[in-house]
Amino acid sequence: MTTQITDSGARAVLALRSMEANAFRVSQVTTRLLDEHTDLPPLISVRPQATATAATLDLQTSTIDEAREWAAALGADLMVREQDEPGGRMADANLCVDGVIVHVCAFTRFTVQEKAERASTAAVAA
């Protein structure tokens, strides 16, 4: 009995090879960035991800200022926005390094005082 690769089998093999290539690229970029930037603040999370169609790396810091340092070192601009739910500031920057989408991010919750000030401002505006 011989094994014949069907069209779906060939597509699966191509998808697997693509995923392996993306995983290799993510591994190389992750290792290089971490090795080159030992002087930057520590990361609370490093999440490399590879699929057949995407190669991504999420770098999460504890504070927005730390995320700003990482973004600047990588040549990206950090965008900060306020979110009512879950109630805080989200900061992120996206850039491409050797075909890998790198996402630098941080989230900080509003302090009790900031929540009260926001509620007061919203009440006055209403």
N, C-alpha and C. Protein backbone atom coordinates (compact mmCIF):
# COMPACT_ATOMS: atom_id res chain seq x y z
N MET A 1 0.85 -1.17 0.00
CA MET A 1 0.00 0.00 0.00
C MET A 1 0.90 1.24 0.00
N THR A 2 0.60 2.19 -0.83
CA THR A 2 1.37 3.42 -0.89
C THR A 2 0.58 4.55 -0.27
N THR A 3 1.31 5.52 0.22
CA THR A 3 0.66 6.69 0.81
C THR A 3 0.66 7.81 -0.21
N GLN A 4 -0.49 8.35 -0.44
CA GLN A 4 -0.61 9.44 -1.39
C GLN A 4 -1.01 10.70 -0.63
N ILE A 5 -0.28 11.78 -0.88
CA ILE A 5 -0.62 13.04 -0.22
C ILE A 5 -1.72 13.71 -1.02
N THR A 6 -2.81 13.95 -0.36
CA THR A 6 -3.94 14.61 -1.00
C THR A 6 -3.73 16.11 -0.97
N ASP A 7 -4.61 16.83 -1.66
CA ASP A 7 -4.52 18.30 -1.63
C ASP A 7 -4.60 18.82 -0.20
N SER A 8 -5.52 18.26 0.60
CA SER A 8 -5.63 18.72 1.98
C SER A 8 -4.39 18.34 2.77
N GLY A 9 -3.82 17.18 2.48
CA GLY A 9 -2.58 16.78 3.14
C GLY A 9 -1.43 17.69 2.77
N ALA A 10 -1.35 18.06 1.50
CA ALA A 10 -0.30 18.97 1.04
C ALA A 10 -0.45 20.34 1.71
N ARG A 11 -1.69 20.81 1.82
CA ARG A 11 -1.94 22.10 2.49
C ARG A 11 -1.53 22.03 3.95
N ALA A 12 -1.80 20.90 4.58
CA ALA A 12 -1.42 20.73 5.99
C ALA A 12 0.10 20.76 6.15
N VAL A 13 0.79 20.10 5.25
CA VAL A 13 2.25 20.10 5.30
C VAL A 13 2.79 21.51 5.09
N LEU A 14 2.25 22.23 4.13
CA LEU A 14 2.68 23.61 3.89
C LEU A 14 2.39 24.50 5.10
N ALA A 15 1.23 24.32 5.72
CA ALA A 15 0.88 25.10 6.91
C ALA A 15 1.84 24.78 8.05
N LEU A 16 2.17 23.53 8.22
CA LEU A 16 3.11 23.13 9.27
C LEU A 16 4.48 23.73 9.02
N ARG A 17 4.95 23.70 7.79
CA ARG A 17 6.25 24.29 7.47
C ARG A 17 6.25 25.80 7.70
N SER A 18 5.15 26.43 7.36
CA SER A 18 5.04 27.87 7.58
C SER A 18 5.06 28.18 9.08
N MET A 19 4.32 27.39 9.86
CA MET A 19 4.30 27.58 11.31
C MET A 19 5.69 27.36 11.90
N GLU A 20 6.41 26.35 11.43
CA GLU A 20 7.76 26.10 11.92
C GLU A 20 8.69 27.25 11.58
N ALA A 21 8.58 27.80 10.39
CA ALA A 21 9.41 28.94 9.99
C ALA A 21 9.09 30.15 10.85
N ASN A 22 7.79 30.38 11.12
CA ASN A 22 7.41 31.50 11.99
C ASN A 22 7.90 31.29 13.41
N ALA A 23 7.82 30.05 13.90
CA ALA A 23 8.30 29.76 15.25
C ALA A 23 9.80 30.02 15.36
N PHE A 24 10.54 29.62 14.35
CA PHE A 24 11.98 29.86 14.34
C PHE A 24 12.27 31.36 14.35
N ARG A 25 11.55 32.11 13.51
CA ARG A 25 11.75 33.56 13.43
C ARG A 25 11.41 34.23 14.77
N VAL A 26 10.31 33.83 15.38
CA VAL A 26 9.92 34.40 16.69
C VAL A 26 10.98 34.08 17.73
N SER A 27 11.48 32.86 17.72
CA SER A 27 12.51 32.47 18.68
C SER A 27 13.76 33.32 18.51
N GLN A 28 14.20 33.51 17.28
CA GLN A 28 15.40 34.29 17.01
C GLN A 28 15.23 35.74 17.45
N VAL A 29 14.10 36.35 17.10
CA VAL A 29 13.85 37.76 17.46
C VAL A 29 13.73 37.91 18.97
N THR A 30 13.01 37.00 19.63
CA THR A 30 12.84 37.08 21.08
C THR A 30 14.19 37.00 21.78
N THR A 31 14.98 36.03 21.41
CA THR A 31 16.30 35.86 22.02
C THR A 31 17.17 37.09 21.79
N ARG A 32 17.18 37.59 20.57
CA ARG A 32 18.02 38.75 20.25
C ARG A 32 17.58 39.99 21.04
N LEU A 33 16.28 40.27 21.08
CA LEU A 33 15.81 41.46 21.80
C LEU A 33 16.11 41.38 23.29
N LEU A 34 15.90 40.22 23.87
CA LEU A 34 16.18 40.07 25.30
C LEU A 34 17.67 40.17 25.60
N ASP A 35 18.50 39.63 24.72
CA ASP A 35 19.95 39.71 24.90
C ASP A 35 20.47 41.13 24.69
N GLU A 36 19.91 41.85 23.73
CA GLU A 36 20.39 43.20 23.41
C GLU A 36 19.91 44.28 24.38
N HIS A 37 18.88 43.98 25.15
CA HIS A 37 18.28 45.02 25.99
C HIS A 37 18.23 44.65 27.47
N THR A 38 19.34 44.12 27.96
CA THR A 38 19.40 43.74 29.37
C THR A 38 19.40 44.95 30.29
N ASP A 39 19.64 46.14 29.74
CA ASP A 39 19.66 47.37 30.54
C ASP A 39 18.26 47.94 30.75
N LEU A 40 17.26 47.40 30.09
CA LEU A 40 15.90 47.91 30.21
C LEU A 40 15.18 47.28 31.41
N PRO A 41 14.07 47.90 31.82
CA PRO A 41 13.32 47.34 32.96
C PRO A 41 12.89 45.90 32.70
N PRO A 42 12.70 45.15 33.77
CA PRO A 42 12.30 43.75 33.61
C PRO A 42 10.89 43.65 33.01
N LEU A 43 10.66 42.56 32.33
CA LEU A 43 9.34 42.29 31.75
C LEU A 43 8.57 41.36 32.67
N ILE A 44 7.27 41.60 32.80
CA ILE A 44 6.46 40.69 33.62
C ILE A 44 5.91 39.55 32.78
N SER A 45 5.96 39.72 31.45
CA SER A 45 5.49 38.66 30.58
C SER A 45 6.16 38.77 29.21
N VAL A 46 6.58 37.63 28.70
CA VAL A 46 7.12 37.53 27.35
C VAL A 46 6.31 36.41 26.69
N ARG A 47 5.52 36.79 25.66
CA ARG A 47 4.63 35.81 25.04
C ARG A 47 4.92 35.68 23.53
N PRO A 48 5.79 34.75 23.16
CA PRO A 48 6.02 34.49 21.74
C PRO A 48 4.89 33.61 21.20
N GLN A 49 4.44 33.92 19.99
CA GLN A 49 3.37 33.14 19.38
C GLN A 49 3.67 32.95 17.90
N ALA A 50 3.46 31.72 17.42
CA ALA A 50 3.66 31.44 16.00
C ALA A 50 2.55 30.54 15.50
N THR A 51 1.99 30.92 14.37
CA THR A 51 1.00 30.10 13.68
C THR A 51 1.47 29.99 12.23
N ALA A 52 0.67 29.34 11.42
CA ALA A 52 1.01 29.22 10.01
C ALA A 52 0.97 30.57 9.31
N THR A 53 0.22 31.52 9.88
CA THR A 53 0.04 32.81 9.21
C THR A 53 0.57 34.01 9.98
N ALA A 54 1.10 33.80 11.18
CA ALA A 54 1.53 34.95 11.99
C ALA A 54 2.71 34.61 12.87
N ALA A 55 3.54 35.63 13.11
CA ALA A 55 4.67 35.53 14.03
C ALA A 55 4.61 36.77 14.91
N THR A 56 4.31 36.59 16.19
CA THR A 56 4.14 37.73 17.08
C THR A 56 4.89 37.52 18.39
N LEU A 57 5.20 38.66 19.03
CA LEU A 57 5.87 38.64 20.32
C LEU A 57 5.29 39.77 21.17
N ASP A 58 4.71 39.42 22.31
CA ASP A 58 4.18 40.40 23.25
C ASP A 58 5.17 40.56 24.39
N LEU A 59 5.56 41.81 24.67
CA LEU A 59 6.44 42.14 25.78
C LEU A 59 5.67 43.04 26.73
N GLN A 60 5.39 42.57 27.92
CA GLN A 60 4.59 43.32 28.88
C GLN A 60 5.43 43.77 30.06
N THR A 61 5.30 45.05 30.41
CA THR A 61 6.01 45.62 31.55
C THR A 61 5.03 45.89 32.69
N SER A 62 5.59 46.25 33.84
CA SER A 62 4.75 46.54 35.00
C SER A 62 4.12 47.92 34.95
N THR A 63 4.83 48.87 34.35
CA THR A 63 4.34 50.25 34.33
C THR A 63 4.39 50.83 32.92
N ILE A 64 3.64 51.88 32.75
CA ILE A 64 3.63 52.57 31.46
C ILE A 64 4.99 53.20 31.18
N ASP A 65 5.63 53.75 32.19
CA ASP A 65 6.96 54.33 31.98
C ASP A 65 7.96 53.27 31.50
N GLU A 66 7.87 52.06 32.06
CA GLU A 66 8.75 50.98 31.62
C GLU A 66 8.44 50.58 30.17
N ALA A 67 7.17 50.55 29.82
CA ALA A 67 6.78 50.24 28.43
C ALA A 67 7.31 51.31 27.49
N ARG A 68 7.27 52.55 27.94
CA ARG A 68 7.79 53.65 27.13
C ARG A 68 9.29 53.46 26.87
N GLU A 69 10.03 53.02 27.89
CA GLU A 69 11.46 52.77 27.72
C GLU A 69 11.71 51.66 26.69
N TRP A 70 10.95 50.57 26.79
CA TRP A 70 11.11 49.47 25.84
C TRP A 70 10.75 49.93 24.43
N ALA A 71 9.64 50.64 24.30
CA ALA A 71 9.21 51.10 22.98
C ALA A 71 10.27 52.00 22.36
N ALA A 72 10.79 52.93 23.15
CA ALA A 72 11.81 53.86 22.63
C ALA A 72 13.06 53.10 22.20
N ALA A 73 13.48 52.13 23.00
CA ALA A 73 14.67 51.35 22.66
C ALA A 73 14.49 50.57 21.36
N LEU A 74 13.24 50.20 21.07
CA LEU A 74 12.95 49.44 19.85
C LEU A 74 12.58 50.35 18.68
N GLY A 75 12.55 51.66 18.95
CA GLY A 75 12.26 52.61 17.88
C GLY A 75 10.79 52.79 17.58
N ALA A 76 9.94 52.59 18.58
CA ALA A 76 8.50 52.72 18.38
C ALA A 76 7.93 53.79 19.31
N ASP A 77 6.78 54.32 18.94
CA ASP A 77 6.08 55.29 19.77
C ASP A 77 5.02 54.57 20.59
N LEU A 78 4.99 54.85 21.88
CA LEU A 78 4.00 54.25 22.78
C LEU A 78 2.74 55.10 22.77
N MET A 79 1.61 54.47 22.58
CA MET A 79 0.32 55.16 22.63
C MET A 79 -0.35 54.79 23.96
N VAL A 80 -0.85 55.81 24.66
CA VAL A 80 -1.52 55.58 25.94
C VAL A 80 -2.96 56.03 25.80
N ARG A 81 -3.88 55.19 26.24
CA ARG A 81 -5.29 55.55 26.21
C ARG A 81 -5.95 55.13 27.52
N GLU A 82 -6.96 55.87 27.88
CA GLU A 82 -7.69 55.56 29.11
C GLU A 82 -8.90 54.72 28.77
N GLN A 83 -9.18 53.77 29.65
CA GLN A 83 -10.32 52.88 29.47
C GLN A 83 -11.17 52.90 30.73
N ASP A 84 -12.46 53.15 30.55
CA ASP A 84 -13.36 53.13 31.71
C ASP A 84 -13.52 51.71 32.25
N GLU A 85 -13.54 50.75 31.37
CA GLU A 85 -13.60 49.36 31.78
C GLU A 85 -12.35 48.67 31.29
N PRO A 86 -11.56 48.12 32.10
CA PRO A 86 -11.73 47.85 33.52
C PRO A 86 -11.28 48.99 34.43
N GLY A 87 -11.04 50.15 33.88
CA GLY A 87 -10.70 51.31 34.71
C GLY A 87 -9.22 51.54 34.87
N GLY A 88 -8.59 52.00 33.80
CA GLY A 88 -7.17 52.25 33.87
C GLY A 88 -6.62 52.78 32.57
N ARG A 89 -5.31 52.73 32.47
CA ARG A 89 -4.61 53.19 31.27
C ARG A 89 -3.93 52.01 30.59
N MET A 90 -4.14 51.93 29.29
CA MET A 90 -3.51 50.90 28.48
C MET A 90 -2.50 51.59 27.59
N ALA A 91 -1.30 51.06 27.57
CA ALA A 91 -0.24 51.62 26.73
C ALA A 91 0.29 50.52 25.84
N ASP A 92 0.47 50.85 24.57
CA ASP A 92 1.07 49.85 23.69
C ASP A 92 1.74 50.48 22.48
N ALA A 93 2.65 49.71 21.94
CA ALA A 93 3.38 50.08 20.73
C ALA A 93 3.53 48.81 19.90
N ASN A 94 3.41 48.95 18.60
CA ASN A 94 3.57 47.82 17.70
C ASN A 94 4.64 48.15 16.67
N LEU A 95 5.49 47.18 16.40
CA LEU A 95 6.51 47.35 15.39
C LEU A 95 6.83 45.99 14.80
N CYS A 96 7.51 46.00 13.68
CA CYS A 96 7.90 44.76 13.02
C CYS A 96 9.42 44.63 13.08
N VAL A 97 9.87 43.50 13.60
CA VAL A 97 11.31 43.21 13.67
C VAL A 97 11.55 41.90 12.92
N ASP A 98 12.21 41.99 11.79
CA ASP A 98 12.55 40.80 10.99
C ASP A 98 11.34 39.91 10.72
N GLY A 99 10.22 40.52 10.39
CA GLY A 99 9.01 39.77 10.07
C GLY A 99 8.18 39.35 11.26
N VAL A 100 8.58 39.73 12.46
CA VAL A 100 7.83 39.41 13.67
C VAL A 100 7.16 40.68 14.19
N ILE A 101 5.85 40.62 14.41
CA ILE A 101 5.14 41.76 14.99
C ILE A 101 5.42 41.75 16.49
N VAL A 102 6.04 42.82 16.97
CA VAL A 102 6.38 42.96 18.38
C VAL A 102 5.42 43.96 19.00
N HIS A 103 4.78 43.56 20.08
CA HIS A 103 3.81 44.38 20.78
C HIS A 103 4.33 44.63 22.20
N VAL A 104 4.64 45.89 22.50
CA VAL A 104 5.08 46.29 23.84
C VAL A 104 3.86 46.86 24.54
N CYS A 105 3.58 46.41 25.77
CA CYS A 105 2.36 46.88 26.43
C CYS A 105 2.49 46.95 27.95
N ALA A 106 1.59 47.71 28.51
CA ALA A 106 1.45 47.81 29.97
C ALA A 106 0.04 48.28 30.28
N PHE A 107 -0.43 47.93 31.45
CA PHE A 107 -1.75 48.37 31.91
C PHE A 107 -1.63 48.77 33.36
N THR A 108 -2.16 49.93 33.69
CA THR A 108 -2.21 50.34 35.09
C THR A 108 -3.64 50.75 35.42
N ARG A 109 -4.09 50.39 36.59
CA ARG A 109 -5.44 50.74 37.03
C ARG A 109 -5.45 52.16 37.58
N PHE A 110 -6.62 52.81 37.47
CA PHE A 110 -6.78 54.12 38.07
C PHE A 110 -6.70 53.98 39.59
N THR A 111 -6.10 54.98 40.24
CA THR A 111 -6.10 55.00 41.70
C THR A 111 -7.50 55.36 42.18
N VAL A 112 -7.75 55.20 43.46
CA VAL A 112 -9.05 55.55 44.04
C VAL A 112 -9.33 57.03 43.80
N GLN A 113 -8.31 57.86 43.98
CA GLN A 113 -8.47 59.29 43.76
C GLN A 113 -8.80 59.61 42.30
N GLU A 114 -8.11 58.95 41.37
CA GLU A 114 -8.39 59.17 39.94
C GLU A 114 -9.81 58.74 39.59
N LYS A 115 -10.26 57.64 40.16
CA LYS A 115 -11.63 57.18 39.91
C LYS A 115 -12.63 58.22 40.40
N ALA A 116 -12.39 58.76 41.60
CA ALA A 116 -13.29 59.77 42.16
C ALA A 116 -13.29 61.04 41.30
N GLU A 117 -12.12 61.46 40.84
CA GLU A 117 -12.03 62.65 40.00
C GLU A 117 -12.75 62.41 38.68
N ARG A 118 -12.62 61.25 38.11
CA ARG A 118 -13.30 60.94 36.84
C ARG A 118 -14.81 60.93 37.04
N ALA A 119 -15.27 60.36 38.15
CA ALA A 119 -16.69 60.33 38.44
C ALA A 119 -17.24 61.73 38.64
N SER A 120 -16.47 62.57 39.34
CA SER A 120 -16.87 63.95 39.57
C SER A 120 -16.96 64.74 38.26
N THR A 121 -15.98 64.55 37.40
CA THR A 121 -15.96 65.22 36.11
C THR A 121 -17.14 64.76 35.25
N ALA A 122 -17.43 63.48 35.28
CA ALA A 122 -18.54 62.95 34.51
C ALA A 122 -19.87 63.50 35.03
N ALA A 123 -19.98 63.64 36.35
CA ALA A 123 -21.23 64.17 36.94
C ALA A 123 -21.43 65.63 36.55
N VAL A 124 -20.36 66.41 36.53
CA VAL A 124 -20.44 67.82 36.17
C VAL A 124 -20.81 67.95 34.69
N ALA A 125 -20.25 67.09 33.86
CA ALA A 125 -20.51 67.15 32.42
C ALA A 125 -21.95 66.75 32.09
N ALA A 126 -22.55 65.94 32.93
CA ALA A 126 -23.92 65.46 32.68
C ALA A 126 -24.90 66.46 33.11
